[in-house]
Amino acid sequence: MRFKSEKDKHTCFLGLFTANEASIHGYVRRLVYKREDAMDVMQKIAIVLWKKFDQLQSDNDFRKWSFGVARFEVLAWRRDLARERERLVLSTETIELMAEELDRKAEQLDLEKEAILQHCLGKLKIDQRSALQDMYDDESNTPALAQKFGKSITGFYQWIYRIRQRLAECAKQVADAT
């Protein structure tokens, strides 16, 4: 990816990293037993992701790419741990198998979440879907959106809040049913 300035690169990285940090951390926690160790590995992952950010082809690939980096960092951590303690807790093959299984499950969960979201969005009225879409547009302007939908700014925020609540309730119902 190309950036106009280092600031644009930094902003893009921070946005992508913070949006995916919880998922990356969850991935690492499934592979690293102790919470403190997982936090150490996460710090290394963040550094590696930043150093190699120029290698990322598209921001749409960030999650998959970061999970790959996380996998290698967990393996490196495990190797270092084995050297320190002179014993292996889990073999490299076991870690690899666990990581591959987590990759498959993560992709499946993403697909399921997307299907649930699309199902629940389909239950909203057209103006509600449009308002949500406009809200998440990078160039959204809340006062203009409030005016577009015939609401005060406060009323618009409350309306969006209620729409999000409906989506969350619908998603929970669908998830609980499956």
N, C-alpha and C. Protein backbone atom coordinates (compact mmCIF):
# COMPACT_ATOMS: atom_id res chain seq x y z
N MET A 1 0.85 -1.17 0.00
CA MET A 1 0.00 0.00 0.00
C MET A 1 0.89 1.24 0.00
N ARG A 2 0.47 2.25 -0.68
CA ARG A 2 1.20 3.51 -0.77
C ARG A 2 0.47 4.57 0.04
N PHE A 3 1.25 5.44 0.67
CA PHE A 3 0.68 6.49 1.49
C PHE A 3 1.28 7.83 1.08
N LYS A 4 0.47 8.88 1.21
CA LYS A 4 0.93 10.22 0.87
C LYS A 4 2.00 10.70 1.84
N SER A 5 1.84 10.30 3.11
CA SER A 5 2.79 10.74 4.12
C SER A 5 2.92 9.67 5.20
N GLU A 6 3.93 9.83 6.02
CA GLU A 6 4.14 8.91 7.14
C GLU A 6 2.96 9.01 8.12
N LYS A 7 2.39 10.20 8.23
CA LYS A 7 1.23 10.38 9.11
C LYS A 7 0.04 9.57 8.59
N ASP A 8 -0.20 9.58 7.28
CA ASP A 8 -1.29 8.78 6.70
C ASP A 8 -1.05 7.30 6.94
N LYS A 9 0.20 6.87 6.79
CA LYS A 9 0.55 5.46 7.03
C LYS A 9 0.27 5.11 8.49
N HIS A 10 0.70 5.96 9.38
CA HIS A 10 0.52 5.74 10.81
C HIS A 10 -0.96 5.68 11.16
N THR A 11 -1.74 6.60 10.63
CA THR A 11 -3.18 6.64 10.89
C THR A 11 -3.87 5.38 10.38
N CYS A 12 -3.50 4.97 9.17
CA CYS A 12 -4.09 3.76 8.59
C CYS A 12 -3.74 2.54 9.44
N PHE A 13 -2.48 2.42 9.82
CA PHE A 13 -2.04 1.28 10.64
C PHE A 13 -2.79 1.25 11.97
N LEU A 14 -2.84 2.39 12.64
CA LEU A 14 -3.52 2.43 13.94
C LEU A 14 -4.99 2.05 13.82
N GLY A 15 -5.64 2.52 12.77
CA GLY A 15 -7.05 2.18 12.57
C GLY A 15 -7.24 0.68 12.37
N LEU A 16 -6.41 0.11 11.51
CA LEU A 16 -6.52 -1.33 11.24
C LEU A 16 -6.13 -2.16 12.46
N PHE A 17 -5.05 -1.75 13.13
CA PHE A 17 -4.59 -2.53 14.29
C PHE A 17 -5.60 -2.48 15.43
N THR A 18 -6.11 -1.31 15.74
CA THR A 18 -7.06 -1.22 16.85
C THR A 18 -8.36 -1.95 16.52
N ALA A 19 -8.77 -1.94 15.24
CA ALA A 19 -9.98 -2.65 14.85
C ALA A 19 -9.82 -4.17 14.98
N ASN A 20 -8.59 -4.65 14.87
CA ASN A 20 -8.33 -6.09 14.88
C ASN A 20 -7.59 -6.58 16.11
N GLU A 21 -7.20 -5.68 17.00
CA GLU A 21 -6.37 -6.05 18.14
C GLU A 21 -7.02 -7.12 19.02
N ALA A 22 -8.31 -6.98 19.30
CA ALA A 22 -8.98 -7.96 20.16
C ALA A 22 -8.98 -9.34 19.52
N SER A 23 -9.19 -9.41 18.22
CA SER A 23 -9.18 -10.70 17.52
C SER A 23 -7.79 -11.31 17.54
N ILE A 24 -6.77 -10.48 17.30
CA ILE A 24 -5.40 -10.97 17.32
C ILE A 24 -5.06 -11.47 18.72
N HIS A 25 -5.44 -10.70 19.73
CA HIS A 25 -5.16 -11.08 21.11
C HIS A 25 -5.86 -12.39 21.46
N GLY A 26 -7.11 -12.55 21.03
CA GLY A 26 -7.83 -13.79 21.27
C GLY A 26 -7.13 -14.97 20.61
N TYR A 27 -6.64 -14.75 19.41
CA TYR A 27 -5.91 -15.78 18.67
C TYR A 27 -4.65 -16.18 19.46
N VAL A 28 -3.92 -15.19 19.93
CA VAL A 28 -2.69 -15.46 20.68
C VAL A 28 -3.01 -16.16 21.99
N ARG A 29 -4.06 -15.74 22.68
CA ARG A 29 -4.42 -16.34 23.98
C ARG A 29 -4.77 -17.82 23.83
N ARG A 30 -5.27 -18.20 22.68
CA ARG A 30 -5.58 -19.62 22.48
C ARG A 30 -4.32 -20.44 22.27
N LEU A 31 -3.22 -19.79 21.90
CA LEU A 31 -1.98 -20.50 21.63
C LEU A 31 -0.94 -20.35 22.75
N VAL A 32 -1.11 -19.34 23.60
CA VAL A 32 -0.16 -19.06 24.67
C VAL A 32 -0.89 -19.18 26.00
N TYR A 33 -0.38 -20.02 26.86
CA TYR A 33 -1.09 -20.38 28.09
C TYR A 33 -1.25 -19.21 29.06
N LYS A 34 -0.16 -18.55 29.40
CA LYS A 34 -0.22 -17.51 30.43
C LYS A 34 -0.56 -16.15 29.82
N ARG A 35 -1.41 -15.43 30.53
CA ARG A 35 -1.83 -14.09 30.08
C ARG A 35 -0.65 -13.14 29.92
N GLU A 36 0.29 -13.19 30.86
CA GLU A 36 1.46 -12.30 30.80
C GLU A 36 2.29 -12.60 29.56
N ASP A 37 2.46 -13.90 29.27
CA ASP A 37 3.21 -14.28 28.07
C ASP A 37 2.49 -13.81 26.81
N ALA A 38 1.18 -13.94 26.81
CA ALA A 38 0.39 -13.49 25.66
C ALA A 38 0.56 -11.99 25.45
N MET A 39 0.59 -11.23 26.53
CA MET A 39 0.78 -9.78 26.41
C MET A 39 2.17 -9.47 25.83
N ASP A 40 3.19 -10.21 26.27
CA ASP A 40 4.53 -10.02 25.71
C ASP A 40 4.55 -10.32 24.22
N VAL A 41 3.92 -11.42 23.84
CA VAL A 41 3.86 -11.79 22.43
C VAL A 41 3.10 -10.72 21.64
N MET A 42 2.00 -10.20 22.20
CA MET A 42 1.23 -9.15 21.52
C MET A 42 2.08 -7.91 21.26
N GLN A 43 2.93 -7.55 22.21
CA GLN A 43 3.80 -6.39 22.01
C GLN A 43 4.75 -6.62 20.83
N LYS A 44 5.29 -7.84 20.77
CA LYS A 44 6.19 -8.16 19.65
C LYS A 44 5.43 -8.16 18.33
N ILE A 45 4.22 -8.67 18.36
CA ILE A 45 3.40 -8.71 17.14
C ILE A 45 3.14 -7.28 16.65
N ALA A 46 2.78 -6.39 17.55
CA ALA A 46 2.50 -5.00 17.16
C ALA A 46 3.73 -4.36 16.51
N ILE A 47 4.89 -4.63 17.07
CA ILE A 47 6.12 -4.07 16.52
C ILE A 47 6.40 -4.63 15.13
N VAL A 48 6.27 -5.94 14.98
CA VAL A 48 6.51 -6.58 13.68
C VAL A 48 5.49 -6.09 12.65
N LEU A 49 4.22 -5.99 13.04
CA LEU A 49 3.20 -5.51 12.11
C LEU A 49 3.54 -4.10 11.62
N TRP A 50 3.97 -3.24 12.53
CA TRP A 50 4.31 -1.88 12.14
C TRP A 50 5.53 -1.87 11.21
N LYS A 51 6.57 -2.64 11.58
CA LYS A 51 7.79 -2.66 10.76
C LYS A 51 7.52 -3.20 9.36
N LYS A 52 6.60 -4.15 9.24
CA LYS A 52 6.34 -4.79 7.96
C LYS A 52 5.06 -4.27 7.29
N PHE A 53 4.50 -3.20 7.81
CA PHE A 53 3.22 -2.69 7.30
C PHE A 53 3.29 -2.36 5.81
N ASP A 54 4.45 -1.91 5.34
CA ASP A 54 4.60 -1.57 3.92
C ASP A 54 4.43 -2.79 3.02
N GLN A 55 4.60 -3.99 3.58
CA GLN A 55 4.47 -5.22 2.78
C GLN A 55 3.01 -5.61 2.55
N LEU A 56 2.10 -5.05 3.33
CA LEU A 56 0.68 -5.38 3.20
C LEU A 56 0.16 -4.86 1.86
N GLN A 57 -0.50 -5.73 1.11
CA GLN A 57 -0.99 -5.36 -0.22
C GLN A 57 -2.27 -4.53 -0.16
N SER A 58 -3.19 -4.91 0.75
CA SER A 58 -4.50 -4.25 0.82
C SER A 58 -4.96 -4.24 2.27
N ASP A 59 -5.63 -3.18 2.68
CA ASP A 59 -6.11 -3.13 4.06
C ASP A 59 -7.16 -4.21 4.33
N ASN A 60 -7.79 -4.73 3.27
CA ASN A 60 -8.75 -5.83 3.44
C ASN A 60 -8.06 -7.11 3.90
N ASP A 61 -6.76 -7.21 3.68
CA ASP A 61 -6.00 -8.41 4.05
C ASP A 61 -5.38 -8.29 5.43
N PHE A 62 -5.60 -7.19 6.14
CA PHE A 62 -4.88 -6.94 7.39
C PHE A 62 -5.11 -8.04 8.41
N ARG A 63 -6.35 -8.46 8.61
CA ARG A 63 -6.65 -9.46 9.64
C ARG A 63 -5.91 -10.77 9.37
N LYS A 64 -6.04 -11.27 8.16
CA LYS A 64 -5.39 -12.53 7.80
C LYS A 64 -3.87 -12.40 7.90
N TRP A 65 -3.34 -11.30 7.42
CA TRP A 65 -1.91 -11.04 7.46
C TRP A 65 -1.43 -10.97 8.91
N SER A 66 -2.17 -10.26 9.75
CA SER A 66 -1.76 -10.12 11.16
C SER A 66 -1.82 -11.46 11.88
N PHE A 67 -2.78 -12.32 11.54
CA PHE A 67 -2.84 -13.64 12.15
C PHE A 67 -1.62 -14.47 11.74
N GLY A 68 -1.18 -14.32 10.50
CA GLY A 68 0.04 -15.01 10.05
C GLY A 68 1.25 -14.55 10.83
N VAL A 69 1.37 -13.23 11.00
CA VAL A 69 2.48 -12.69 11.80
C VAL A 69 2.37 -13.21 13.23
N ALA A 70 1.16 -13.22 13.77
CA ALA A 70 0.96 -13.69 15.15
C ALA A 70 1.41 -15.15 15.28
N ARG A 71 1.06 -15.96 14.30
CA ARG A 71 1.45 -17.37 14.34
C ARG A 71 2.97 -17.49 14.44
N PHE A 72 3.69 -16.76 13.58
CA PHE A 72 5.15 -16.84 13.60
C PHE A 72 5.74 -16.31 14.90
N GLU A 73 5.14 -15.28 15.44
CA GLU A 73 5.64 -14.73 16.71
C GLU A 73 5.39 -15.70 17.87
N VAL A 74 4.25 -16.39 17.85
CA VAL A 74 3.98 -17.40 18.88
C VAL A 74 5.00 -18.54 18.76
N LEU A 75 5.28 -18.96 17.55
CA LEU A 75 6.28 -20.02 17.35
C LEU A 75 7.65 -19.57 17.82
N ALA A 76 8.00 -18.32 17.53
CA ALA A 76 9.29 -17.80 17.98
C ALA A 76 9.33 -17.72 19.51
N TRP A 77 8.23 -17.28 20.10
CA TRP A 77 8.15 -17.22 21.56
C TRP A 77 8.33 -18.62 22.17
N ARG A 78 7.65 -19.61 21.58
CA ARG A 78 7.73 -20.97 22.06
C ARG A 78 9.15 -21.52 21.95
N ARG A 79 9.80 -21.21 20.84
CA ARG A 79 11.18 -21.64 20.65
C ARG A 79 12.09 -21.02 21.71
N ASP A 80 11.91 -19.72 21.94
CA ASP A 80 12.72 -19.04 22.96
C ASP A 80 12.43 -19.60 24.35
N LEU A 81 11.16 -19.87 24.62
CA LEU A 81 10.78 -20.43 25.92
C LEU A 81 11.42 -21.80 26.12
N ALA A 82 11.42 -22.60 25.07
CA ALA A 82 12.02 -23.94 25.16
C ALA A 82 13.52 -23.84 25.47
N ARG A 83 14.17 -22.87 24.87
CA ARG A 83 15.60 -22.68 25.14
C ARG A 83 15.81 -22.27 26.59
N GLU A 84 14.97 -21.35 27.07
CA GLU A 84 15.09 -20.88 28.44
C GLU A 84 14.85 -21.98 29.45
N ARG A 85 13.82 -22.72 29.26
CA ARG A 85 13.39 -23.70 30.26
C ARG A 85 13.90 -25.10 29.99
N GLU A 86 14.53 -25.28 28.82
CA GLU A 86 15.09 -26.58 28.47
C GLU A 86 14.04 -27.68 28.41
N ARG A 87 12.79 -27.30 28.19
CA ARG A 87 11.76 -28.31 28.03
C ARG A 87 10.67 -27.74 27.12
N LEU A 88 9.98 -28.61 26.46
CA LEU A 88 8.90 -28.19 25.56
C LEU A 88 7.56 -28.44 26.24
N VAL A 89 6.71 -27.43 26.22
CA VAL A 89 5.37 -27.60 26.75
C VAL A 89 4.51 -28.21 25.64
N LEU A 90 4.55 -27.62 24.47
CA LEU A 90 3.85 -28.13 23.29
C LEU A 90 4.85 -28.17 22.13
N SER A 91 4.75 -29.17 21.32
CA SER A 91 5.64 -29.26 20.17
C SER A 91 5.26 -28.21 19.13
N THR A 92 6.21 -27.94 18.27
CA THR A 92 5.96 -26.99 17.18
C THR A 92 4.82 -27.49 16.31
N GLU A 93 4.79 -28.79 16.08
CA GLU A 93 3.72 -29.36 15.24
C GLU A 93 2.35 -29.14 15.88
N THR A 94 2.28 -29.31 17.20
CA THR A 94 1.02 -29.11 17.90
C THR A 94 0.57 -27.65 17.80
N ILE A 95 1.50 -26.74 17.99
CA ILE A 95 1.18 -25.31 17.87
C ILE A 95 0.70 -25.01 16.45
N GLU A 96 1.38 -25.56 15.46
CA GLU A 96 0.98 -25.35 14.06
C GLU A 96 -0.43 -25.87 13.82
N LEU A 97 -0.73 -27.08 14.30
CA LEU A 97 -2.06 -27.65 14.12
C LEU A 97 -3.12 -26.80 14.80
N MET A 98 -2.81 -26.34 16.01
CA MET A 98 -3.76 -25.49 16.73
C MET A 98 -3.99 -24.18 15.97
N ALA A 99 -2.92 -23.60 15.46
CA ALA A 99 -3.02 -22.34 14.73
C ALA A 99 -3.85 -22.52 13.45
N GLU A 100 -3.62 -23.62 12.74
CA GLU A 100 -4.39 -23.88 11.52
C GLU A 100 -5.87 -24.04 11.84
N GLU A 101 -6.16 -24.77 12.90
CA GLU A 101 -7.56 -24.97 13.30
C GLU A 101 -8.20 -23.63 13.68
N LEU A 102 -7.46 -22.80 14.41
CA LEU A 102 -7.98 -21.49 14.78
C LEU A 102 -8.22 -20.63 13.54
N ASP A 103 -7.33 -20.72 12.56
CA ASP A 103 -7.53 -19.97 11.31
C ASP A 103 -8.83 -20.38 10.65
N ARG A 104 -9.07 -21.69 10.56
CA ARG A 104 -10.30 -22.18 9.92
C ARG A 104 -11.53 -21.71 10.70
N LYS A 105 -11.45 -21.82 12.02
CA LYS A 105 -12.60 -21.41 12.84
C LYS A 105 -12.84 -19.91 12.75
N ALA A 106 -11.76 -19.12 12.72
CA ALA A 106 -11.90 -17.66 12.64
C ALA A 106 -12.59 -17.27 11.33
N GLU A 107 -12.18 -17.91 10.23
CA GLU A 107 -12.82 -17.61 8.95
C GLU A 107 -14.29 -17.99 8.98
N GLN A 108 -14.60 -19.15 9.55
CA GLN A 108 -16.00 -19.61 9.63
C GLN A 108 -16.81 -18.65 10.49
N LEU A 109 -16.24 -18.22 11.62
CA LEU A 109 -16.95 -17.27 12.49
C LEU A 109 -17.20 -15.95 11.78
N ASP A 110 -16.22 -15.49 11.02
CA ASP A 110 -16.40 -14.24 10.26
C ASP A 110 -17.54 -14.37 9.27
N LEU A 111 -17.60 -15.51 8.59
CA LEU A 111 -18.69 -15.73 7.63
C LEU A 111 -20.04 -15.79 8.33
N GLU A 112 -20.08 -16.47 9.48
CA GLU A 112 -21.33 -16.56 10.24
C GLU A 112 -21.77 -15.20 10.74
N LYS A 113 -20.82 -14.41 11.25
CA LYS A 113 -21.15 -13.07 11.74
C LYS A 113 -21.69 -12.21 10.60
N GLU A 114 -21.04 -12.29 9.44
CA GLU A 114 -21.49 -11.52 8.28
C GLU A 114 -22.90 -11.93 7.86
N ALA A 115 -23.18 -13.23 7.87
CA ALA A 115 -24.51 -13.71 7.50
C ALA A 115 -25.56 -13.22 8.49
N ILE A 116 -25.23 -13.27 9.78
CA ILE A 116 -26.16 -12.79 10.81
C ILE A 116 -26.41 -11.30 10.64
N LEU A 117 -25.32 -10.55 10.42
CA LEU A 117 -25.46 -9.10 10.25
C LEU A 117 -26.34 -8.79 9.04
N GLN A 118 -26.10 -9.46 7.92
CA GLN A 118 -26.90 -9.21 6.72
C GLN A 118 -28.36 -9.57 6.96
N HIS A 119 -28.60 -10.68 7.66
CA HIS A 119 -29.97 -11.09 7.98
C HIS A 119 -30.66 -10.01 8.81
N CYS A 120 -29.97 -9.54 9.84
CA CYS A 120 -30.57 -8.55 10.73
C CYS A 120 -30.72 -7.18 10.05
N LEU A 121 -29.76 -6.81 9.21
CA LEU A 121 -29.90 -5.56 8.46
C LEU A 121 -31.12 -5.63 7.54
N GLY A 122 -31.38 -6.81 7.00
CA GLY A 122 -32.54 -7.00 6.13
C GLY A 122 -33.86 -6.79 6.85
N LYS A 123 -33.86 -6.90 8.16
CA LYS A 123 -35.09 -6.70 8.94
C LYS A 123 -35.34 -5.22 9.25
N LEU A 124 -34.35 -4.38 9.01
CA LEU A 124 -34.51 -2.94 9.27
C LEU A 124 -35.27 -2.28 8.12
N LYS A 125 -35.87 -1.14 8.43
CA LYS A 125 -36.51 -0.34 7.39
C LYS A 125 -35.42 0.27 6.52
N ILE A 126 -35.78 0.63 5.31
CA ILE A 126 -34.82 1.17 4.36
C ILE A 126 -34.11 2.40 4.91
N ASP A 127 -34.86 3.32 5.53
CA ASP A 127 -34.23 4.54 6.05
C ASP A 127 -33.28 4.22 7.20
N GLN A 128 -33.59 3.19 7.99
CA GLN A 128 -32.70 2.80 9.09
C GLN A 128 -31.38 2.24 8.54
N ARG A 129 -31.48 1.38 7.53
CA ARG A 129 -30.26 0.83 6.90
C ARG A 129 -29.44 1.96 6.28
N SER A 130 -30.13 2.86 5.61
CA SER A 130 -29.44 3.97 4.97
C SER A 130 -28.73 4.85 6.00
N ALA A 131 -29.40 5.11 7.12
CA ALA A 131 -28.80 5.93 8.18
C ALA A 131 -27.54 5.27 8.74
N LEU A 132 -27.62 3.97 8.98
CA LEU A 132 -26.44 3.25 9.49
C LEU A 132 -25.31 3.29 8.48
N GLN A 133 -25.63 3.04 7.23
CA GLN A 133 -24.60 3.06 6.20
C GLN A 133 -23.96 4.44 6.11
N ASP A 134 -24.79 5.47 6.14
CA ASP A 134 -24.27 6.83 6.08
C ASP A 134 -23.42 7.16 7.31
N MET A 135 -23.81 6.65 8.49
CA MET A 135 -23.06 6.91 9.72
C MET A 135 -21.65 6.33 9.64
N TYR A 136 -21.50 5.19 8.99
CA TYR A 136 -20.20 4.53 8.94
C TYR A 136 -19.39 4.94 7.72
N ASP A 137 -19.93 5.84 6.93
CA ASP A 137 -19.19 6.38 5.81
C ASP A 137 -18.07 7.26 6.38
N ASP A 138 -16.88 7.16 5.79
CA ASP A 138 -15.72 7.90 6.31
C ASP A 138 -15.94 9.41 6.34
N GLU A 139 -16.75 9.89 5.45
CA GLU A 139 -16.95 11.33 5.36
C GLU A 139 -18.31 11.74 5.91
N SER A 140 -18.82 10.98 6.88
CA SER A 140 -20.13 11.30 7.42
C SER A 140 -20.07 12.60 8.22
N ASN A 141 -21.17 13.31 8.18
CA ASN A 141 -21.30 14.57 8.86
C ASN A 141 -22.62 14.49 9.63
N THR A 142 -22.53 14.34 10.95
CA THR A 142 -23.71 14.09 11.76
C THR A 142 -24.79 15.17 11.62
N PRO A 143 -24.45 16.44 11.68
CA PRO A 143 -25.52 17.44 11.51
C PRO A 143 -26.23 17.30 10.15
N ALA A 144 -25.47 17.04 9.10
CA ALA A 144 -26.08 16.89 7.77
C ALA A 144 -26.95 15.63 7.73
N LEU A 145 -26.48 14.57 8.37
CA LEU A 145 -27.28 13.33 8.41
C LEU A 145 -28.56 13.54 9.21
N ALA A 146 -28.45 14.23 10.33
CA ALA A 146 -29.64 14.49 11.13
C ALA A 146 -30.66 15.26 10.31
N GLN A 147 -30.19 16.25 9.58
CA GLN A 147 -31.10 17.03 8.74
C GLN A 147 -31.68 16.16 7.62
N LYS A 148 -30.85 15.34 7.00
CA LYS A 148 -31.30 14.46 5.91
C LYS A 148 -32.44 13.56 6.36
N PHE A 149 -32.36 13.07 7.61
CA PHE A 149 -33.37 12.15 8.12
C PHE A 149 -34.44 12.86 8.96
N GLY A 150 -34.42 14.20 8.94
CA GLY A 150 -35.47 14.98 9.59
C GLY A 150 -35.45 14.90 11.11
N LYS A 151 -34.26 14.89 11.68
CA LYS A 151 -34.14 14.76 13.14
C LYS A 151 -33.17 15.81 13.67
N SER A 152 -33.32 16.09 14.96
CA SER A 152 -32.32 16.94 15.61
C SER A 152 -31.06 16.10 15.77
N ILE A 153 -29.95 16.72 16.06
CA ILE A 153 -28.70 15.96 16.25
C ILE A 153 -28.86 14.97 17.39
N THR A 154 -29.40 15.41 18.51
CA THR A 154 -29.62 14.51 19.65
C THR A 154 -30.59 13.40 19.28
N GLY A 155 -31.66 13.77 18.61
CA GLY A 155 -32.64 12.77 18.18
C GLY A 155 -32.04 11.76 17.22
N PHE A 156 -31.15 12.26 16.35
CA PHE A 156 -30.50 11.36 15.39
C PHE A 156 -29.62 10.34 16.13
N TYR A 157 -28.82 10.82 17.09
CA TYR A 157 -27.97 9.92 17.87
C TYR A 157 -28.82 8.87 18.61
N GLN A 158 -29.92 9.30 19.18
CA GLN A 158 -30.80 8.36 19.89
C GLN A 158 -31.40 7.34 18.93
N TRP A 159 -31.78 7.81 17.75
CA TRP A 159 -32.35 6.92 16.74
C TRP A 159 -31.32 5.87 16.30
N ILE A 160 -30.10 6.32 16.05
CA ILE A 160 -29.02 5.39 15.67
C ILE A 160 -28.76 4.40 16.79
N TYR A 161 -28.77 4.89 18.03
CA TYR A 161 -28.57 4.00 19.18
C TYR A 161 -29.63 2.90 19.22
N ARG A 162 -30.90 3.28 19.01
CA ARG A 162 -31.99 2.29 19.03
C ARG A 162 -31.86 1.30 17.86
N ILE A 163 -31.44 1.80 16.72
CA ILE A 163 -31.23 0.90 15.57
C ILE A 163 -30.13 -0.11 15.91
N ARG A 164 -29.04 0.36 16.47
CA ARG A 164 -27.94 -0.54 16.85
C ARG A 164 -28.40 -1.57 17.89
N GLN A 165 -29.24 -1.12 18.83
CA GLN A 165 -29.77 -2.06 19.82
C GLN A 165 -30.61 -3.14 19.15
N ARG A 166 -31.45 -2.74 18.18
CA ARG A 166 -32.26 -3.72 17.45
C ARG A 166 -31.37 -4.72 16.72
N LEU A 167 -30.30 -4.20 16.10
CA LEU A 167 -29.37 -5.10 15.41
C LEU A 167 -28.73 -6.08 16.40
N ALA A 168 -28.29 -5.57 17.54
CA ALA A 168 -27.64 -6.42 18.54
C ALA A 168 -28.60 -7.48 19.07
N GLU A 169 -29.83 -7.08 19.34
CA GLU A 169 -30.83 -8.04 19.83
C GLU A 169 -31.13 -9.10 18.78
N CYS A 170 -31.27 -8.68 17.54
CA CYS A 170 -31.53 -9.62 16.44
C CYS A 170 -30.36 -10.59 16.31
N ALA A 171 -29.13 -10.06 16.32
CA ALA A 171 -27.95 -10.90 16.18
C ALA A 171 -27.86 -11.91 17.31
N LYS A 172 -28.18 -11.48 18.53
CA LYS A 172 -28.14 -12.39 19.68
C LYS A 172 -29.19 -13.48 19.51
N GLN A 173 -30.40 -13.12 19.09
CA GLN A 173 -31.46 -14.10 18.89
C GLN A 173 -31.06 -15.13 17.82
N VAL A 174 -30.51 -14.64 16.72
CA VAL A 174 -30.12 -15.55 15.65
C VAL A 174 -28.97 -16.45 16.10
N ALA A 175 -28.00 -15.87 16.80
CA ALA A 175 -26.87 -16.67 17.29
C ALA A 175 -27.32 -17.71 18.30
N ASP A 176 -28.24 -17.32 19.19
CA ASP A 176 -28.74 -18.26 20.19
C ASP A 176 -29.55 -19.39 19.56
N ALA A 177 -30.19 -19.09 18.43
CA ALA A 177 -31.01 -20.10 17.76
C ALA A 177 -30.17 -21.13 17.02
N THR A 178 -28.93 -20.77 16.73
CA THR A 178 -28.07 -21.71 15.98
C THR A 178 -27.15 -22.50 16.88
